[in-house]
Structures are given as C-alpha cells and as structure tokens.
C-alpha cells in the first residue's frame, strides 16, 4: 500500500527536523505506541498496540532512521510483528520552509500480512490514513504546548 501526503508544522525547519527525530515525542504522538527505546544510534525498539476492525494485538518491532540529510529529509524503516500479523514499511520525509512553518511531505510503502491482511485493503488504507492524521494532530499539539 502506498501512502503520501503533506502536513504543515508551525515550527521552523530545523526545529521540525529535531522534533520528528525525538523518540520521546514520537512515542507520545504515534497512535498505539507503548514504548520507543533507543537500542543504537538511529535505531529504536518499538512496542505498539494495533487495532484494526475486530482484531487487535501488540506488535514488537524496530524503527530505523536512514539517509539523514539534517534539516531537510530522512527515511524511516519500520518493522513489527505480533500474533495478528506483521507490518513492514519504508517512507521518506522531506521538510521545506513554508512561511514561518515547515511543510512536511511524506511518501512511502507499507506491507501487512497475516490476520491483519485478511481485513481488506480498503480498511487498511483508511486506518493508515487515520493513524497518520492522529500522529500529526498530536505533533501539532506538542508544538503548541512547548511553544507557549
């Protein structure tokens, strides 16, 4: 499944880049994330609760940051597996100035398997878009509360 979109953060480009790589902030903003712990530079152990239709379960996995170009772009590599299946994704985030804020453009590819894949592509696509929206809503909230 392909995902792409943009989001405007009310934060300068360097601050937005730092925020998007802060594991504490990411753990608070990622829907269902229960833990994000650094295991080595640019790699984190992740525990996430995933719910899709009538299926839910805990996933263990990793999040890696690759091809970092400070303040302008990086790739995220995410892998996770649990009793209800697996997920594997890769995406690039590109940051560019937009007025006093930063435009974050993202595009990537996500694969799911096991019981998760049985619920159907349309539901998976809708859930992925909802999770991305919730992530950016929480990120915006974090920016507002730390800026005031």
Protein backbone atom coordinates (compact mmCIF):
# COMPACT_ATOMS: atom_id res chain seq x y z
CA UNK A 1 0.00 0.00 0.00
CA UNK A 2 1.35 3.41 -0.97
CA UNK A 3 0.96 6.38 1.37
CA UNK A 4 1.76 10.01 0.69
CA UNK A 5 0.73 13.45 1.80
CA UNK A 6 1.83 16.72 3.32
CA UNK A 7 1.39 18.47 6.63
CA UNK A 8 2.29 22.00 7.73
CA UNK A 9 4.01 22.24 11.13
CA UNK A 10 4.00 25.61 12.90
CA UNK A 11 7.71 25.34 13.62
CA UNK A 12 10.92 26.33 11.82
CA UNK A 13 12.59 23.73 9.63
CA UNK A 14 15.46 22.85 12.00
CA UNK A 15 13.09 22.58 14.97
CA UNK A 16 10.68 20.42 12.94
CA UNK A 17 13.52 18.12 11.90
CA UNK A 18 14.67 17.69 15.52
CA UNK A 19 11.09 17.11 16.68
CA UNK A 20 10.49 14.40 14.06
CA UNK A 21 13.55 12.52 15.30
CA UNK A 22 12.92 12.86 19.04
CA UNK A 23 11.96 9.37 20.30
CA UNK A 24 10.13 10.75 23.36
CA UNK A 25 7.94 12.98 21.18
CA UNK A 26 7.40 10.27 18.58
CA UNK A 27 6.34 7.75 21.24
CA UNK A 28 3.71 10.22 22.54
CA UNK A 29 2.45 11.03 19.03
CA UNK A 30 2.32 7.61 17.35
CA UNK A 31 -1.12 6.06 17.89
CA UNK A 32 -0.86 2.90 19.98
CA UNK A 33 2.85 3.32 20.75
CA UNK A 34 3.62 1.98 24.21
CA UNK A 35 7.42 2.26 24.06
CA UNK A 36 10.17 3.55 21.80
CA UNK A 37 13.61 2.82 23.26
CA UNK A 38 16.95 3.60 21.64
CA UNK A 39 18.98 0.45 21.02
CA UNK A 40 21.74 2.09 18.96
CA UNK A 41 22.25 5.30 17.04
CA UNK A 42 19.26 5.93 14.76
CA UNK A 43 17.56 2.66 15.74
CA UNK A 44 14.77 2.11 18.26
CA UNK A 45 12.92 -0.85 19.74
CA UNK A 46 9.17 -0.31 19.47
CA UNK A 47 6.14 -1.76 21.25
CA UNK A 48 2.83 -0.78 19.70
CA UNK A 49 -0.77 -1.83 20.16
CA UNK A 50 -2.53 -2.12 16.82
CA UNK A 51 -6.30 -2.33 16.39
CA UNK A 52 -7.98 -2.91 13.06
CA UNK A 53 -11.65 -3.84 12.77
CA UNK A 54 -12.24 -6.61 15.34
CA UNK A 55 -8.54 -7.53 15.51
CA UNK A 56 -6.10 -6.08 17.99
CA UNK A 57 -2.72 -7.06 19.30
CA UNK A 58 0.67 -5.99 20.49
CA UNK A 59 3.49 -5.58 17.99
CA UNK A 60 7.20 -5.68 18.73
CA UNK A 61 9.50 -4.16 16.18
CA UNK A 62 12.10 -1.64 15.21
CA UNK A 63 12.19 1.88 13.84
CA UNK A 64 15.33 2.97 11.97
CA UNK A 65 16.30 6.39 10.65
CA UNK A 66 18.38 6.24 7.47
CA UNK A 67 19.77 8.56 4.80
CA UNK A 68 19.50 11.57 7.09
CA UNK A 69 20.10 14.93 5.45
CA UNK A 70 19.91 17.22 8.51
CA UNK A 71 17.02 19.67 8.43
CA UNK A 72 15.75 18.55 5.02
CA UNK A 73 14.96 14.81 4.80
CA UNK A 74 15.33 11.29 6.16
CA UNK A 75 13.96 7.81 5.62
CA UNK A 76 12.09 5.78 8.24
CA UNK A 77 12.19 2.00 8.16
CA UNK A 78 9.60 0.31 10.38
CA UNK A 79 9.11 -3.40 11.02
CA UNK A 80 6.84 -5.08 13.51
CA UNK A 81 5.22 -8.41 14.18
CA UNK A 82 2.70 -9.80 16.60
CA UNK A 83 0.10 -12.53 16.97
CA UNK A 84 -2.23 -10.92 14.43
CA UNK A 85 0.37 -10.49 11.69
CA UNK A 86 3.21 -8.29 10.61
CA UNK A 87 3.81 -4.86 9.17
CA UNK A 88 6.76 -3.50 7.27
CA UNK A 89 7.09 0.00 5.97
CA UNK A 90 9.52 2.44 4.49
CA UNK A 91 9.00 6.11 3.89
CA UNK A 92 10.81 9.34 3.16
CA UNK A 93 10.04 12.59 4.91
CA UNK A 94 11.07 15.84 3.21
CA UNK A 95 10.98 19.15 5.04
CA UNK A 96 10.86 22.56 3.40
CA UNK A 97 10.23 26.08 4.69
CA UNK A 98 6.69 27.40 4.29
CA UNK A 99 6.26 30.91 5.67
CA UNK A 100 7.08 30.73 9.37
CA UNK A 101 6.42 26.97 9.44
CA UNK A 102 7.67 23.81 7.79
CA UNK A 103 5.96 21.72 5.15
CA UNK A 104 6.47 18.01 5.80
CA UNK A 105 5.96 15.87 2.70
CA UNK A 106 5.89 12.11 3.17
CA UNK A 107 5.66 9.17 0.83
CA UNK A 108 6.20 5.51 1.39
CA UNK A 109 5.07 1.97 1.13
CA UNK A 110 3.53 -0.27 3.83
CA UNK A 111 3.03 -4.02 3.71
CA UNK A 112 0.92 -6.07 6.12
CA UNK A 113 0.48 -9.82 6.41
CA UNK A 114 -1.19 -12.47 8.47
CA UNK A 115 -4.61 -11.92 10.01
CA UNK A 116 -4.20 -8.15 9.51
CA UNK A 117 -4.13 -8.59 5.74
CA UNK A 118 -7.41 -10.54 5.85
CA UNK A 119 -9.46 -7.45 6.80
CA UNK A 120 -9.11 -5.99 3.32
CA UNK A 121 -7.07 -3.33 1.58
CA UNK A 122 -9.70 -0.59 1.85
CA UNK A 123 -9.93 -0.88 5.65
CA UNK A 124 -6.13 -0.99 5.99
CA UNK A 125 -5.80 2.10 3.79
CA UNK A 126 -8.44 4.01 5.79
CA UNK A 127 -6.82 3.02 9.10
CA UNK A 128 -3.35 4.04 7.90
CA UNK A 129 -4.63 7.49 6.85
CA UNK A 130 -6.41 7.89 10.19
CA UNK A 131 -3.22 6.95 12.10
CA UNK A 132 -1.15 9.46 10.09
CA UNK A 133 -3.72 12.18 10.79
CA UNK A 134 -3.71 11.37 14.53
CA UNK A 135 0.10 11.40 14.54
CA UNK A 136 0.27 14.88 13.01
CA UNK A 137 -2.57 16.17 15.23
CA UNK A 138 -0.62 15.03 18.32
CA UNK A 139 2.58 16.51 16.88
CA UNK A 140 0.79 19.85 16.36
CA UNK A 141 -0.46 19.68 19.96
CA UNK A 142 3.10 19.04 21.15
CA UNK A 143 4.36 22.06 19.17
CA UNK A 144 1.63 24.29 20.66
CA UNK A 145 2.25 23.22 24.25
CA UNK A 146 6.04 23.51 24.05
CA UNK A 147 5.90 26.86 22.21
CA UNK A 148 3.77 28.61 24.82
